[in-house]
Amino acid sequence: MRKRNKTLTIRVTPAEWDAIYQRTMLAGMNLTDYLVTSALSTEIHVAEDTKPLLVELKRIGNNLNQITAKINSGAFRSYNFAEVIEMQRRINEELCRIGGCSPWQL
């Protein structure tokens, strides 16, 4: 049997306490076992530095908006942007995979 001889103190709001306590009861565990199990089994996704990628993605989006405005104004004929749109979607999905977000959060 392992001996737990270290103390961990955390501060929570009353609402957080209630939610944790309810989940502890639903799991049929004591608070210590619940928190240790939750902390050790929860995978944490640490995002790589995606800031430069997001900046570039926003620049590309801005360029696409400018091109669309020129097309709509009749400055030149429409081009089939299906491939460009598909690549933007893939970039979005990859950034979200790396950063742990949903594509519509970017």
PDB file of N, CA and C in Angstrom:
ATOM      1  N   MET A   1       0.842  -1.183   0.000  1.00  0.00           N
ATOM      2  CA  MET A   1       0.000   0.000   0.000  1.00  0.00           C
ATOM      3  C   MET A   1       0.890   1.251   0.000  1.00  0.00           C
ATOM      4  N   ARG A   2       0.554   2.174  -0.853  1.00  0.00           N
ATOM      5  CA  ARG A   2       1.378   3.384  -0.927  1.00  0.00           C
ATOM      6  C   ARG A   2       0.994   4.345   0.187  1.00  0.00           C
ATOM      7  N   LYS A   3       1.970   5.082   0.623  1.00  0.00           N
ATOM      8  CA  LYS A   3       1.756   6.035   1.713  1.00  0.00           C
ATOM      9  C   LYS A   3       1.753   7.442   1.124  1.00  0.00           C
ATOM     10  N   ARG A   4       0.679   8.128   1.307  1.00  0.00           N
ATOM     11  CA  ARG A   4       0.578   9.507   0.834  1.00  0.00           C
ATOM     12  C   ARG A   4       0.953  10.423   1.990  1.00  0.00           C
ATOM     13  N   ASN A   5       2.134  10.986   1.918  1.00  0.00           N
ATOM     14  CA  ASN A   5       2.594  11.821   3.024  1.00  0.00           C
ATOM     15  C   ASN A   5       2.921  13.252   2.592  1.00  0.00           C
ATOM     16  N   LYS A   6       2.475  13.636   1.403  1.00  0.00           N
ATOM     17  CA  LYS A   6       2.640  15.008   0.936  1.00  0.00           C
ATOM     18  C   LYS A   6       1.267  15.671   0.887  1.00  0.00           C
ATOM     19  N   THR A   7       1.216  16.957   1.218  1.00  0.00           N
ATOM     20  CA  THR A   7      -0.042  17.697   1.216  1.00  0.00           C
ATOM     21  C   THR A   7      -0.076  18.648   0.028  1.00  0.00           C
ATOM     22  N   LEU A   8      -1.197  18.707  -0.620  1.00  0.00           N
ATOM     23  CA  LEU A   8      -1.416  19.620  -1.743  1.00  0.00           C
ATOM     24  C   LEU A   8      -2.617  20.486  -1.391  1.00  0.00           C
ATOM     25  N   THR A   9      -2.429  21.787  -1.388  1.00  0.00           N
ATOM     26  CA  THR A   9      -3.508  22.708  -1.056  1.00  0.00           C
ATOM     27  C   THR A   9      -3.876  23.496  -2.304  1.00  0.00           C
ATOM     28  N   ILE A  10      -5.162  23.535  -2.608  1.00  0.00           N
ATOM     29  CA  ILE A  10      -5.632  24.330  -3.743  1.00  0.00           C
ATOM     30  C   ILE A  10      -6.797  25.207  -3.289  1.00  0.00           C
ATOM     31  N   ARG A  11      -7.026  26.268  -4.021  1.00  0.00           N
ATOM     32  CA  ARG A  11      -8.155  27.143  -3.731  1.00  0.00           C
ATOM     33  C   ARG A  11      -9.148  27.046  -4.881  1.00  0.00           C
ATOM     34  N   VAL A  12     -10.409  26.946  -4.514  1.00  0.00           N
ATOM     35  CA  VAL A  12     -11.480  26.853  -5.508  1.00  0.00           C
ATOM     36  C   VAL A  12     -12.640  27.738  -5.075  1.00  0.00           C
ATOM     37  N   THR A  13     -13.473  28.077  -6.046  1.00  0.00           N
ATOM     38  CA  THR A  13     -14.682  28.839  -5.738  1.00  0.00           C
ATOM     39  C   THR A  13     -15.719  27.877  -5.159  1.00  0.00           C
ATOM     40  N   PRO A  14     -16.745  28.404  -4.514  1.00  0.00           N
ATOM     41  CA  PRO A  14     -17.818  27.518  -4.023  1.00  0.00           C
ATOM     42  C   PRO A  14     -18.446  26.688  -5.139  1.00  0.00           C
ATOM     43  N   ALA A  15     -18.617  27.277  -6.312  1.00  0.00           N
ATOM     44  CA  ALA A  15     -19.206  26.538  -7.437  1.00  0.00           C
ATOM     45  C   ALA A  15     -18.271  25.420  -7.895  1.00  0.00           C
ATOM     46  N   GLU A  16     -16.974  25.703  -7.943  1.00  0.00           N
ATOM     47  CA  GLU A  16     -16.010  24.671  -8.319  1.00  0.00           C
ATOM     48  C   GLU A  16     -15.992  23.549  -7.290  1.00  0.00           C
ATOM     49  N   TRP A  17     -16.044  23.919  -6.024  1.00  0.00           N
ATOM     50  CA  TRP A  17     -16.072  22.917  -4.945  1.00  0.00           C
ATOM     51  C   TRP A  17     -17.281  22.005  -5.104  1.00  0.00           C
ATOM     52  N   ASP A  18     -18.451  22.611  -5.332  1.00  0.00           N
ATOM     53  CA  ASP A  18     -19.675  21.817  -5.497  1.00  0.00           C
ATOM     54  C   ASP A  18     -19.567  20.860  -6.681  1.00  0.00           C
ATOM     55  N   ALA A  19     -19.041  21.358  -7.802  1.00  0.00           N
ATOM     56  CA  ALA A  19     -18.914  20.518  -8.995  1.00  0.00           C
ATOM     57  C   ALA A  19     -17.940  19.368  -8.757  1.00  0.00           C
ATOM     58  N   ILE A  20     -16.811  19.662  -8.140  1.00  0.00           N
ATOM     59  CA  ILE A  20     -15.824  18.613  -7.850  1.00  0.00           C
ATOM     60  C   ILE A  20     -16.398  17.598  -6.875  1.00  0.00           C
ATOM     61  N   TYR A  21     -17.065  18.083  -5.842  1.00  0.00           N
ATOM     62  CA  TYR A  21     -17.648  17.191  -4.837  1.00  0.00           C
ATOM     63  C   TYR A  21     -18.700  16.279  -5.475  1.00  0.00           C
ATOM     64  N   GLN A  22     -19.546  16.857  -6.329  1.00  0.00           N
ATOM     65  CA  GLN A  22     -20.584  16.048  -6.997  1.00  0.00           C
ATOM     66  C   GLN A  22     -19.946  14.964  -7.871  1.00  0.00           C
ATOM     67  N   ARG A  23     -18.913  15.325  -8.611  1.00  0.00           N
ATOM     68  CA  ARG A  23     -18.241  14.345  -9.469  1.00  0.00           C
ATOM     69  C   ARG A  23     -17.558  13.269  -8.634  1.00  0.00           C
ATOM     70  N   THR A  24     -17.022  13.669  -7.489  1.00  0.00           N
ATOM     71  CA  THR A  24     -16.393  12.716  -6.587  1.00  0.00           C
ATOM     72  C   THR A  24     -17.415  11.686  -6.110  1.00  0.00           C
ATOM     73  N   MET A  25     -18.588  12.167  -5.724  1.00  0.00           N
ATOM     74  CA  MET A  25     -19.640  11.267  -5.250  1.00  0.00           C
ATOM     75  C   MET A  25     -20.124  10.351  -6.370  1.00  0.00           C
ATOM     76  N   LEU A  26     -20.298  10.919  -7.581  1.00  0.00           N
ATOM     77  CA  LEU A  26     -20.742  10.102  -8.716  1.00  0.00           C
ATOM     78  C   LEU A  26     -19.727   9.008  -9.051  1.00  0.00           C
ATOM     79  N   ALA A  27     -18.457   9.313  -8.870  1.00  0.00           N
ATOM     80  CA  ALA A  27     -17.402   8.335  -9.150  1.00  0.00           C
ATOM     81  C   ALA A  27     -17.267   7.305  -8.033  1.00  0.00           C
ATOM     82  N   GLY A  28     -17.903   7.570  -6.890  1.00  0.00           N
ATOM     83  CA  GLY A  28     -17.805   6.644  -5.763  1.00  0.00           C
ATOM     84  C   GLY A  28     -16.406   6.619  -5.164  1.00  0.00           C
ATOM     85  N   MET A  29     -15.757   7.775  -5.166  1.00  0.00           N
ATOM     86  CA  MET A  29     -14.385   7.857  -4.667  1.00  0.00           C
ATOM     87  C   MET A  29     -14.313   8.906  -3.566  1.00  0.00           C
ATOM     88  N   ASN A  30     -13.238   8.842  -2.788  1.00  0.00           N
ATOM     89  CA  ASN A  30     -13.017   9.945  -1.857  1.00  0.00           C
ATOM     90  C   ASN A  30     -12.344  11.074  -2.641  1.00  0.00           C
ATOM     91  N   LEU A  31     -12.308  12.260  -2.057  1.00  0.00           N
ATOM     92  CA  LEU A  31     -11.812  13.434  -2.756  1.00  0.00           C
ATOM     93  C   LEU A  31     -10.360  13.274  -3.203  1.00  0.00           C
ATOM     94  N   THR A  32      -9.517  12.758  -2.333  1.00  0.00           N
ATOM     95  CA  THR A  32      -8.107  12.579  -2.680  1.00  0.00           C
ATOM     96  C   THR A  32      -7.948  11.650  -3.871  1.00  0.00           C
ATOM     97  N   ASP A  33      -8.591  10.480  -3.818  1.00  0.00           N
ATOM     98  CA  ASP A  33      -8.479   9.527  -4.922  1.00  0.00           C
ATOM     99  C   ASP A  33      -9.016  10.126  -6.221  1.00  0.00           C
ATOM    100  N   TYR A  34     -10.126  10.844  -6.127  1.00  0.00           N
ATOM    101  CA  TYR A  34     -10.718  11.448  -7.318  1.00  0.00           C
ATOM    102  C   TYR A  34      -9.766  12.463  -7.953  1.00  0.00           C
ATOM    103  N   LEU A  35      -9.226  13.358  -7.141  1.00  0.00           N
ATOM    104  CA  LEU A  35      -8.343  14.401  -7.677  1.00  0.00           C
ATOM    105  C   LEU A  35      -7.038  13.823  -8.222  1.00  0.00           C
ATOM    106  N   VAL A  36      -6.456  12.856  -7.515  1.00  0.00           N
ATOM    107  CA  VAL A  36      -5.217  12.245  -7.984  1.00  0.00           C
ATOM    108  C   VAL A  36      -5.475  11.501  -9.297  1.00  0.00           C
ATOM    109  N   THR A  37      -6.541  10.711  -9.342  1.00  0.00           N
ATOM    110  CA  THR A  37      -6.866   9.974 -10.561  1.00  0.00           C
ATOM    111  C   THR A  37      -7.123  10.922 -11.719  1.00  0.00           C
ATOM    112  N   SER A  38      -7.891  11.980 -11.469  1.00  0.00           N
ATOM    113  CA  SER A  38      -8.190  12.959 -12.523  1.00  0.00           C
ATOM    114  C   SER A  38      -6.920  13.643 -13.014  1.00  0.00           C
ATOM    115  N   ALA A  39      -6.092  14.063 -12.093  1.00  0.00           N
ATOM    116  CA  ALA A  39      -4.875  14.786 -12.465  1.00  0.00           C
ATOM    117  C   ALA A  39      -3.896  13.901 -13.233  1.00  0.00           C
ATOM    118  N   LEU A  40      -3.790  12.654 -12.842  1.00  0.00           N
ATOM    119  CA  LEU A  40      -2.807  11.777 -13.472  1.00  0.00           C
ATOM    120  C   LEU A  40      -3.292  11.141 -14.768  1.00  0.00           C
ATOM    121  N   SER A  41      -4.605  11.130 -14.982  1.00  0.00           N
ATOM    122  CA  SER A  41      -5.124  10.489 -16.194  1.00  0.00           C
ATOM    123  C   SER A  41      -5.581  11.488 -17.254  1.00  0.00           C
ATOM    124  N   THR A  42      -5.564  12.755 -16.942  1.00  0.00           N
ATOM    125  CA  THR A  42      -5.986  13.765 -17.900  1.00  0.00           C
ATOM    126  C   THR A  42      -4.809  14.178 -18.768  1.00  0.00           C
ATOM    127  N   GLU A  43      -4.993  14.035 -20.085  1.00  0.00           N
ATOM    128  CA  GLU A  43      -3.928  14.415 -21.010  1.00  0.00           C
ATOM    129  C   GLU A  43      -3.983  15.923 -21.234  1.00  0.00           C
ATOM    130  N   ILE A  44      -2.852  16.557 -21.104  1.00  0.00           N
ATOM    131  CA  ILE A  44      -2.753  17.992 -21.312  1.00  0.00           C
ATOM    132  C   ILE A  44      -2.074  18.225 -22.657  1.00  0.00           C
ATOM    133  N   HIS A  45      -2.703  19.035 -23.503  1.00  0.00           N
ATOM    134  CA  HIS A  45      -2.135  19.376 -24.805  1.00  0.00           C
ATOM    135  C   HIS A  45      -1.438  20.722 -24.687  1.00  0.00           C
ATOM    136  N   VAL A  46      -0.145  20.708 -24.869  1.00  0.00           N
ATOM    137  CA  VAL A  46       0.621  21.949 -24.846  1.00  0.00           C
ATOM    138  C   VAL A  46       0.844  22.356 -26.297  1.00  0.00           C
ATOM    139  N   ALA A  47       0.272  23.492 -26.656  1.00  0.00           N
ATOM    140  CA  ALA A  47       0.363  23.951 -28.040  1.00  0.00           C
ATOM    141  C   ALA A  47       1.762  24.446 -28.352  1.00  0.00           C
ATOM    142  N   GLU A  48       2.198  24.102 -29.540  1.00  0.00           N
ATOM    143  CA  GLU A  48       3.449  24.664 -30.023  1.00  0.00           C
ATOM    144  C   GLU A  48       3.197  26.144 -30.275  1.00  0.00           C
ATOM    145  N   ASP A  49       4.247  26.902 -30.515  1.00  0.00           N
ATOM    146  CA  ASP A  49       4.069  28.322 -30.770  1.00  0.00           C
ATOM    147  C   ASP A  49       3.438  28.495 -32.148  1.00  0.00           C
ATOM    148  N   THR A  50       2.133  28.688 -32.166  1.00  0.00           N
ATOM    149  CA  THR A  50       1.401  28.826 -33.422  1.00  0.00           C
ATOM    150  C   THR A  50       1.170  30.287 -33.794  1.00  0.00           C
ATOM    151  N   LYS A  51       1.649  31.209 -32.968  1.00  0.00           N
ATOM    152  CA  LYS A  51       1.401  32.624 -33.239  1.00  0.00           C
ATOM    153  C   LYS A  51       1.871  33.055 -34.638  1.00  0.00           C
ATOM    154  N   PRO A  52       3.117  32.710 -35.058  1.00  0.00           N
ATOM    155  CA  PRO A  52       3.535  33.104 -36.408  1.00  0.00           C
ATOM    156  C   PRO A  52       2.641  32.501 -37.497  1.00  0.00           C
ATOM    157  N   LEU A  53       2.185  31.265 -37.283  1.00  0.00           N
ATOM    158  CA  LEU A  53       1.311  30.632 -38.260  1.00  0.00           C
ATOM    159  C   LEU A  53      -0.036  31.335 -38.323  1.00  0.00           C
ATOM    160  N   LEU A  54      -0.558  31.716 -37.158  1.00  0.00           N
ATOM    161  CA  LEU A  54      -1.842  32.414 -37.135  1.00  0.00           C
ATOM    162  C   LEU A  54      -1.743  33.776 -37.812  1.00  0.00           C
ATOM    163  N   VAL A  55      -0.630  34.470 -37.602  1.00  0.00           N
ATOM    164  CA  VAL A  55      -0.428  35.770 -38.250  1.00  0.00           C
ATOM    165  C   VAL A  55      -0.427  35.587 -39.765  1.00  0.00           C
ATOM    166  N   GLU A  56       0.301  34.586 -40.238  1.00  0.00           N
ATOM    167  CA  GLU A  56       0.366  34.346 -41.686  1.00  0.00           C
ATOM    168  C   GLU A  56      -0.985  33.927 -42.233  1.00  0.00           C
ATOM    169  N   LEU A  57      -1.701  33.094 -41.498  1.00  0.00           N
ATOM    170  CA  LEU A  57      -3.028  32.666 -41.924  1.00  0.00           C
ATOM    171  C   LEU A  57      -3.968  33.859 -42.040  1.00  0.00           C
ATOM    172  N   LYS A  58      -3.879  34.790 -41.099  1.00  0.00           N
ATOM    173  CA  LYS A  58      -4.717  35.993 -41.161  1.00  0.00           C
ATOM    174  C   LYS A  58      -4.332  36.868 -42.350  1.00  0.00           C
ATOM    175  N   ARG A  59      -3.044  36.947 -42.664  1.00  0.00           N
ATOM    176  CA  ARG A  59      -2.600  37.711 -43.841  1.00  0.00           C
ATOM    177  C   ARG A  59      -3.157  37.102 -45.121  1.00  0.00           C
ATOM    178  N   ILE A  60      -3.100  35.778 -45.196  1.00  0.00           N
ATOM    179  CA  ILE A  60      -3.646  35.092 -46.375  1.00  0.00           C
ATOM    180  C   ILE A  60      -5.138  35.371 -46.485  1.00  0.00           C
ATOM    181  N   GLY A  61      -5.840  35.293 -45.361  1.00  0.00           N
ATOM    182  CA  GLY A  61      -7.270  35.587 -45.364  1.00  0.00           C
ATOM    183  C   GLY A  61      -7.548  37.012 -45.814  1.00  0.00           C
ATOM    184  N   ASN A  62      -6.732  37.950 -45.368  1.00  0.00           N
ATOM    185  CA  ASN A  62      -6.887  39.344 -45.776  1.00  0.00           C
ATOM    186  C   ASN A  62      -6.678  39.479 -47.285  1.00  0.00           C
ATOM    187  N   ASN A  63      -5.651  38.800 -47.812  1.00  0.00           N
ATOM    188  CA  ASN A  63      -5.403  38.828 -49.252  1.00  0.00           C
ATOM    189  C   ASN A  63      -6.585  38.255 -50.028  1.00  0.00           C
ATOM    190  N   LEU A  64      -7.145  37.162 -49.539  1.00  0.00           N
ATOM    191  CA  LEU A  64      -8.309  36.565 -50.202  1.00  0.00           C
ATOM    192  C   LEU A  64      -9.485  37.528 -50.200  1.00  0.00           C
ATOM    193  N   ASN A  65      -9.677  38.243 -49.086  1.00  0.00           N
ATOM    194  CA  ASN A  65     -10.759  39.226 -49.033  1.00  0.00           C
ATOM    195  C   ASN A  65     -10.536  40.339 -50.048  1.00  0.00           C
ATOM    196  N   GLN A  66      -9.306  40.799 -50.187  1.00  0.00           N
ATOM    197  CA  GLN A  66      -8.997  41.853 -51.158  1.00  0.00           C
ATOM    198  C   GLN A  66      -9.229  41.360 -52.588  1.00  0.00           C
ATOM    199  N   ILE A  67      -8.824  40.136 -52.873  1.00  0.00           N
ATOM    200  CA  ILE A  67      -9.047  39.556 -54.203  1.00  0.00           C
ATOM    201  C   ILE A  67     -10.546  39.450 -54.482  1.00  0.00           C
ATOM    202  N   THR A  68     -11.300  38.985 -53.492  1.00  0.00           N
ATOM    203  CA  THR A  68     -12.748  38.849 -53.642  1.00  0.00           C
ATOM    204  C   THR A  68     -13.390  40.204 -53.919  1.00  0.00           C
ATOM    205  N   ALA A  69     -12.944  41.226 -53.217  1.00  0.00           N
ATOM    206  CA  ALA A  69     -13.494  42.569 -53.432  1.00  0.00           C
ATOM    207  C   ALA A  69     -13.212  43.040 -54.854  1.00  0.00           C
ATOM    208  N   LYS A  70     -12.004  42.786 -55.378  1.00  0.00           N
ATOM    209  CA  LYS A  70     -11.662  43.185 -56.750  1.00  0.00           C
ATOM    210  C   LYS A  70     -12.513  42.423 -57.768  1.00  0.00           C
ATOM    211  N   ILE A  71     -12.713  41.142 -57.516  1.00  0.00           N
ATOM    212  CA  ILE A  71     -13.558  40.348 -58.418  1.00  0.00           C
ATOM    213  C   ILE A  71     -14.975  40.907 -58.417  1.00  0.00           C
ATOM    214  N   ASN A  72     -15.496  41.173 -57.224  1.00  0.00           N
ATOM    215  CA  ASN A  72     -16.864  41.690 -57.121  1.00  0.00           C
ATOM    216  C   ASN A  72     -17.015  43.071 -57.743  1.00  0.00           C
ATOM    217  N   SER A  73     -15.940  43.846 -57.765  1.00  0.00           N
ATOM    218  CA  SER A  73     -16.008  45.184 -58.364  1.00  0.00           C
ATOM    219  C   SER A  73     -15.820  45.137 -59.876  1.00  0.00           C
ATOM    220  N   GLY A  74     -15.483  43.959 -60.399  1.00  0.00           N
ATOM    221  CA  GLY A  74     -15.301  43.806 -61.834  1.00  0.00           C
ATOM    222  C   GLY A  74     -13.895  44.135 -62.305  1.00  0.00           C
ATOM    223  N   ALA A  75     -12.950  44.315 -61.388  1.00  0.00           N
ATOM    224  CA  ALA A  75     -11.579  44.648 -61.758  1.00  0.00           C
ATOM    225  C   ALA A  75     -10.931  43.524 -62.565  1.00  0.00           C
ATOM    226  N   PHE A  76     -11.288  42.296 -62.300  1.00  0.00           N
ATOM    227  CA  PHE A  76     -10.866  41.181 -63.132  1.00  0.00           C
ATOM    228  C   PHE A  76     -11.829  40.023 -62.947  1.00  0.00           C
ATOM    229  N   ARG A  77     -11.711  39.042 -63.811  1.00  0.00           N
ATOM    230  CA  ARG A  77     -12.651  37.920 -63.792  1.00  0.00           C
ATOM    231  C   ARG A  77     -12.377  36.982 -62.619  1.00  0.00           C
ATOM    232  N   SER A  78     -13.414  36.294 -62.268  1.00  0.00           N
ATOM    233  CA  SER A  78     -13.329  35.347 -61.163  1.00  0.00           C
ATOM    234  C   SER A  78     -12.409  34.178 -61.506  1.00  0.00           C
ATOM    235  N   TYR A  79     -11.728  33.725 -60.520  1.00  0.00           N
ATOM    236  CA  TYR A  79     -10.853  32.564 -60.622  1.00  0.00           C
ATOM    237  C   TYR A  79     -11.458  31.494 -59.738  1.00  0.00           C
ATOM    238  N   ASN A  80     -11.289  30.240 -60.079  1.00  0.00           N
ATOM    239  CA  ASN A  80     -11.815  29.160 -59.255  1.00  0.00           C
ATOM    240  C   ASN A  80     -10.921  29.012 -58.025  1.00  0.00           C
ATOM    241  N   PHE A  81     -11.399  29.440 -56.882  1.00  0.00           N
ATOM    242  CA  PHE A  81     -10.626  29.431 -55.658  1.00  0.00           C
ATOM    243  C   PHE A  81     -10.865  28.181 -54.808  1.00  0.00           C
ATOM    244  N   ALA A  82     -11.455  27.160 -55.386  1.00  0.00           N
ATOM    245  CA  ALA A  82     -11.759  25.943 -54.618  1.00  0.00           C
ATOM    246  C   ALA A  82     -10.499  25.355 -53.985  1.00  0.00           C
ATOM    247  N   GLU A  83      -9.414  25.321 -54.744  1.00  0.00           N
ATOM    248  CA  GLU A  83      -8.164  24.756 -54.213  1.00  0.00           C
ATOM    249  C   GLU A  83      -7.605  25.627 -53.091  1.00  0.00           C
ATOM    250  N   VAL A  84      -7.678  26.938 -53.259  1.00  0.00           N
ATOM    251  CA  VAL A  84      -7.190  27.858 -52.230  1.00  0.00           C
ATOM    252  C   VAL A  84      -8.017  27.704 -50.958  1.00  0.00           C
ATOM    253  N   ILE A  85      -9.321  27.633 -51.113  1.00  0.00           N
ATOM    254  CA  ILE A  85     -10.210  27.478 -49.957  1.00  0.00           C
ATOM    255  C   ILE A  85      -9.934  26.157 -49.248  1.00  0.00           C
ATOM    256  N   GLU A  86      -9.726  25.088 -50.011  1.00  0.00           N
ATOM    257  CA  GLU A  86      -9.435  23.778 -49.426  1.00  0.00           C
ATOM    258  C   GLU A  86      -8.121  23.806 -48.642  1.00  0.00           C
ATOM    259  N   MET A  87      -7.112  24.466 -49.182  1.00  0.00           N
ATOM    260  CA  MET A  87      -5.835  24.561 -48.472  1.00  0.00           C
ATOM    261  C   MET A  87      -5.979  25.381 -47.191  1.00  0.00           C
ATOM    262  N   GLN A  88      -6.758  26.446 -47.233  1.00  0.00           N
ATOM    263  CA  GLN A  88      -7.013  27.244 -46.027  1.00  0.00           C
ATOM    264  C   GLN A  88      -7.680  26.377 -44.956  1.00  0.00           C
ATOM    265  N   ARG A  89      -8.634  25.558 -45.379  1.00  0.00           N
ATOM    266  CA  ARG A  89      -9.328  24.665 -44.446  1.00  0.00           C
ATOM    267  C   ARG A  89      -8.337  23.683 -43.809  1.00  0.00           C
ATOM    268  N   ARG A  90      -7.439  23.136 -44.621  1.00  0.00           N
ATOM    269  CA  ARG A  90      -6.448  22.181 -44.101  1.00  0.00           C
ATOM    270  C   ARG A  90      -5.490  22.851 -43.115  1.00  0.00           C
ATOM    271  N   ILE A  91      -5.071  24.068 -43.432  1.00  0.00           N
ATOM    272  CA  ILE A  91      -4.193  24.809 -42.526  1.00  0.00           C
ATOM    273  C   ILE A  91      -4.909  25.036 -41.205  1.00  0.00           C
ATOM    274  N   ASN A  92      -6.161  25.460 -41.291  1.00  0.00           N
ATOM    275  CA  ASN A  92      -6.983  25.679 -40.097  1.00  0.00           C
ATOM    276  C   ASN A  92      -7.047  24.421 -39.241  1.00  0.00           C
ATOM    277  N   GLU A  93      -7.357  23.297 -39.868  1.00  0.00           N
ATOM    278  CA  GLU A  93      -7.485  22.034 -39.144  1.00  0.00           C
ATOM    279  C   GLU A  93      -6.165  21.629 -38.493  1.00  0.00           C
ATOM    280  N   GLU A  94      -5.065  21.817 -39.202  1.00  0.00           N
ATOM    281  CA  GLU A  94      -3.757  21.445 -38.656  1.00  0.00           C
ATOM    282  C   GLU A  94      -3.395  22.326 -37.463  1.00  0.00           C
ATOM    283  N   LEU A  95      -3.654  23.618 -37.578  1.00  0.00           N
ATOM    284  CA  LEU A  95      -3.393  24.518 -36.449  1.00  0.00           C
ATOM    285  C   LEU A  95      -4.212  24.106 -35.230  1.00  0.00           C
ATOM    286  N   CYS A  96      -5.440  23.732 -35.461  1.00  0.00           N
ATOM    287  CA  CYS A  96      -6.282  23.309 -34.341  1.00  0.00           C
ATOM    288  C   CYS A  96      -5.831  21.973 -33.767  1.00  0.00           C
ATOM    289  N   ARG A  97      -5.344  21.095 -34.615  1.00  0.00           N
ATOM    290  CA  ARG A  97      -4.816  19.823 -34.111  1.00  0.00           C
ATOM    291  C   ARG A  97      -3.623  20.090 -33.209  1.00  0.00           C
ATOM    292  N   ILE A  98      -2.761  20.991 -33.639  1.00  0.00           N
ATOM    293  CA  ILE A  98      -1.580  21.334 -32.854  1.00  0.00           C
ATOM    294  C   ILE A  98      -1.973  22.056 -31.576  1.00  0.00           C
ATOM    295  N   GLY A  99      -2.901  22.994 -31.712  1.00  0.00           N
ATOM    296  CA  GLY A  99      -3.254  23.849 -30.584  1.00  0.00           C
ATOM    297  C   GLY A  99      -4.398  23.354 -29.731  1.00  0.00           C
ATOM    298  N   GLY A 100      -5.050  22.272 -30.131  1.00  0.00           N
ATOM    299  CA  GLY A 100      -6.136  21.729 -29.324  1.00  0.00           C
ATOM    300  C   GLY A 100      -7.392  22.564 -29.336  1.00  0.00           C
ATOM    301  N   CYS A 101      -7.726  23.158 -30.455  1.00  0.00           N
ATOM    302  CA  CYS A 101      -8.945  23.960 -30.531  1.00  0.00           C
ATOM    303  C   CYS A 101      -9.846  23.405 -31.623  1.00  0.00           C
ATOM    304  N   SER A 102     -11.004  23.988 -31.741  1.00  0.00           N
ATOM    305  CA  SER A 102     -11.906  23.660 -32.829  1.00  0.00           C
ATOM    306  C   SER A 102     -11.624  24.603 -33.987  1.00  0.00           C
ATOM    307  N   PRO A 103     -11.768  24.140 -35.239  1.00  0.00           N
ATOM    308  CA  PRO A 103     -11.447  24.997 -36.390  1.00  0.00           C
ATOM    309  C   PRO A 103     -12.193  26.331 -36.384  1.00  0.00           C
ATOM    310  N   TRP A 104     -13.392  26.367 -35.863  1.00  0.00           N
ATOM    311  CA  TRP A 104     -14.164  27.610 -35.889  1.00  0.00           C
ATOM    312  C   TRP A 104     -13.737  28.568 -34.778  1.00  0.00           C
ATOM    313  N   GLN A 105     -12.796  28.173 -33.924  1.00  0.00           N
ATOM    314  CA  GLN A 105     -12.300  29.057 -32.874  1.00  0.00           C
ATOM    315  C   GLN A 105     -11.185  29.971 -33.373  1.00  0.00           C
ATOM    316  N   LEU A 106     -10.644  29.716 -34.548  1.00  0.00           N
ATOM    317  CA  LEU A 106      -9.564  30.557 -35.066  1.00  0.00           C
ATOM    318  C   LEU A 106     -10.115  31.818 -35.674  1.00  0.00           C
TER     319      LEU A 106
END
